[in-house]
Amino acid sequence: MRLLAEETLSDQEWLEETRIKIDEGIASLERGERIGGETFVNQLLTQLKQAKEA
């Protein structure tokens, strides 16, 4: 069982990592770098599968 402080830290780390990824995605779009919806979904499914296996 995780302690509340550990859970809060983990949540804060996830939130910061997510914010960074969003900022990177916005910057990429502003540069005109885009991928198709199917490619995005396939990449997301691959990442979810890898996370589940870890």
N, C-alpha and C. Protein backbone atom coordinates (compact mmCIF):
# COMPACT_ATOMS: atom_id res chain seq x y z
N MET A 1 0.84 -1.18 0.00
CA MET A 1 0.00 0.00 0.00
C MET A 1 0.88 1.24 0.00
N ARG A 2 0.57 2.15 -0.92
CA ARG A 2 1.37 3.37 -1.02
C ARG A 2 0.92 4.39 0.00
N LEU A 3 1.88 5.14 0.49
CA LEU A 3 1.56 6.23 1.41
C LEU A 3 0.97 7.39 0.63
N LEU A 4 0.19 8.19 1.29
CA LEU A 4 -0.45 9.34 0.65
C LEU A 4 0.60 10.28 0.05
N ALA A 5 1.70 10.51 0.74
CA ALA A 5 2.74 11.40 0.23
C ALA A 5 3.34 10.84 -1.06
N GLU A 6 3.55 9.53 -1.11
CA GLU A 6 4.09 8.90 -2.32
C GLU A 6 3.08 9.01 -3.46
N GLU A 7 1.82 8.80 -3.17
CA GLU A 7 0.78 8.88 -4.19
C GLU A 7 0.67 10.31 -4.73
N THR A 8 0.73 11.28 -3.85
CA THR A 8 0.66 12.68 -4.26
C THR A 8 1.85 13.04 -5.13
N LEU A 9 3.04 12.61 -4.76
CA LEU A 9 4.23 12.88 -5.54
C LEU A 9 4.11 12.23 -6.92
N SER A 10 3.65 10.99 -6.95
CA SER A 10 3.48 10.29 -8.20
C SER A 10 2.47 11.03 -9.09
N ASP A 11 1.38 11.48 -8.52
CA ASP A 11 0.37 12.22 -9.27
C ASP A 11 0.94 13.53 -9.79
N GLN A 12 1.74 14.21 -8.98
CA GLN A 12 2.35 15.47 -9.40
C GLN A 12 3.34 15.24 -10.53
N GLU A 13 4.11 14.16 -10.44
CA GLU A 13 5.07 13.84 -11.50
C GLU A 13 4.32 13.54 -12.80
N TRP A 14 3.24 12.76 -12.71
CA TRP A 14 2.44 12.44 -13.90
C TRP A 14 1.88 13.71 -14.51
N LEU A 15 1.36 14.60 -13.66
CA LEU A 15 0.78 15.85 -14.14
C LEU A 15 1.83 16.69 -14.86
N GLU A 16 3.01 16.81 -14.29
CA GLU A 16 4.08 17.60 -14.92
C GLU A 16 4.51 16.97 -16.25
N GLU A 17 4.67 15.66 -16.27
CA GLU A 17 5.04 14.98 -17.51
C GLU A 17 3.96 15.18 -18.58
N THR A 18 2.70 15.13 -18.18
CA THR A 18 1.60 15.33 -19.12
C THR A 18 1.59 16.75 -19.65
N ARG A 19 1.84 17.71 -18.80
CA ARG A 19 1.90 19.11 -19.25
C ARG A 19 3.02 19.32 -20.26
N ILE A 20 4.17 18.71 -20.00
CA ILE A 20 5.29 18.82 -20.93
C ILE A 20 4.93 18.22 -22.28
N LYS A 21 4.30 17.05 -22.26
CA LYS A 21 3.91 16.39 -23.52
C LYS A 21 2.90 17.24 -24.28
N ILE A 22 1.97 17.85 -23.58
CA ILE A 22 0.98 18.71 -24.24
C ILE A 22 1.67 19.91 -24.87
N ASP A 23 2.58 20.53 -24.13
CA ASP A 23 3.32 21.68 -24.67
C ASP A 23 4.13 21.28 -25.90
N GLU A 24 4.75 20.11 -25.86
CA GLU A 24 5.52 19.62 -27.02
C GLU A 24 4.59 19.37 -28.21
N GLY A 25 3.41 18.83 -27.94
CA GLY A 25 2.45 18.57 -29.01
C GLY A 25 1.96 19.86 -29.65
N ILE A 26 1.69 20.85 -28.83
CA ILE A 26 1.24 22.14 -29.36
C ILE A 26 2.34 22.76 -30.21
N ALA A 27 3.57 22.72 -29.73
CA ALA A 27 4.69 23.28 -30.49
C ALA A 27 4.85 22.54 -31.82
N SER A 28 4.68 21.24 -31.81
CA SER A 28 4.79 20.44 -33.02
C SER A 28 3.71 20.84 -34.03
N LEU A 29 2.50 21.03 -33.56
CA LEU A 29 1.41 21.45 -34.44
C LEU A 29 1.68 22.84 -35.02
N GLU A 30 2.22 23.72 -34.19
CA GLU A 30 2.53 25.07 -34.66
C GLU A 30 3.61 25.06 -35.74
N ARG A 31 4.47 24.05 -35.71
CA ARG A 31 5.51 23.91 -36.74
C ARG A 31 4.96 23.21 -37.98
N GLY A 32 3.70 22.80 -37.94
CA GLY A 32 3.10 22.12 -39.08
C GLY A 32 3.35 20.62 -39.10
N GLU A 33 3.86 20.08 -38.02
CA GLU A 33 4.13 18.64 -37.93
C GLU A 33 2.87 17.95 -37.42
N ARG A 34 2.27 17.18 -38.29
CA ARG A 34 1.03 16.49 -37.91
C ARG A 34 1.09 15.03 -38.34
N ILE A 35 0.33 14.22 -37.64
CA ILE A 35 0.18 12.83 -38.04
C ILE A 35 -1.30 12.55 -38.19
N GLY A 36 -1.63 11.54 -38.96
CA GLY A 36 -3.02 11.18 -39.17
C GLY A 36 -3.61 10.54 -37.92
N GLY A 37 -4.92 10.57 -37.87
CA GLY A 37 -5.63 10.01 -36.72
C GLY A 37 -5.35 8.53 -36.53
N GLU A 38 -5.30 7.77 -37.62
CA GLU A 38 -5.05 6.34 -37.51
C GLU A 38 -3.65 6.07 -36.96
N THR A 39 -2.68 6.83 -37.41
CA THR A 39 -1.31 6.69 -36.92
C THR A 39 -1.26 7.00 -35.43
N PHE A 40 -1.93 8.07 -35.03
CA PHE A 40 -1.96 8.46 -33.62
C PHE A 40 -2.56 7.35 -32.76
N VAL A 41 -3.70 6.83 -33.17
CA VAL A 41 -4.37 5.78 -32.39
C VAL A 41 -3.48 4.54 -32.31
N ASN A 42 -2.84 4.16 -33.40
CA ASN A 42 -1.97 2.99 -33.38
C ASN A 42 -0.79 3.19 -32.44
N GLN A 43 -0.22 4.39 -32.44
CA GLN A 43 0.89 4.68 -31.52
C GLN A 43 0.42 4.63 -30.08
N LEU A 44 -0.76 5.18 -29.82
CA LEU A 44 -1.32 5.17 -28.48
C LEU A 44 -1.59 3.75 -28.01
N LEU A 45 -2.15 2.92 -28.87
CA LEU A 45 -2.41 1.53 -28.51
C LEU A 45 -1.12 0.78 -28.21
N THR A 46 -0.09 1.05 -28.99
CA THR A 46 1.21 0.43 -28.75
C THR A 46 1.77 0.83 -27.39
N GLN A 47 1.67 2.11 -27.06
CA GLN A 47 2.17 2.60 -25.77
C GLN A 47 1.38 1.99 -24.62
N LEU A 48 0.07 1.89 -24.77
CA LEU A 48 -0.75 1.29 -23.72
C LEU A 48 -0.42 -0.18 -23.52
N LYS A 49 -0.18 -0.87 -24.62
CA LYS A 49 0.18 -2.30 -24.53
C LYS A 49 1.52 -2.46 -23.81
N GLN A 50 2.48 -1.62 -24.15
CA GLN A 50 3.79 -1.68 -23.51
C GLN A 50 3.69 -1.38 -22.02
N ALA A 51 2.87 -0.39 -21.67
CA ALA A 51 2.70 -0.04 -20.26
C ALA A 51 2.05 -1.18 -19.49
N LYS A 52 1.10 -1.84 -20.12
CA LYS A 52 0.40 -2.96 -19.47
C LYS A 52 1.35 -4.13 -19.24
N GLU A 53 2.26 -4.35 -20.19
CA GLU A 53 3.20 -5.47 -20.08
C GLU A 53 4.31 -5.19 -19.07
N ALA A 54 4.56 -3.92 -18.78
CA ALA A 54 5.64 -3.55 -17.86
C ALA A 54 5.27 -3.79 -16.41
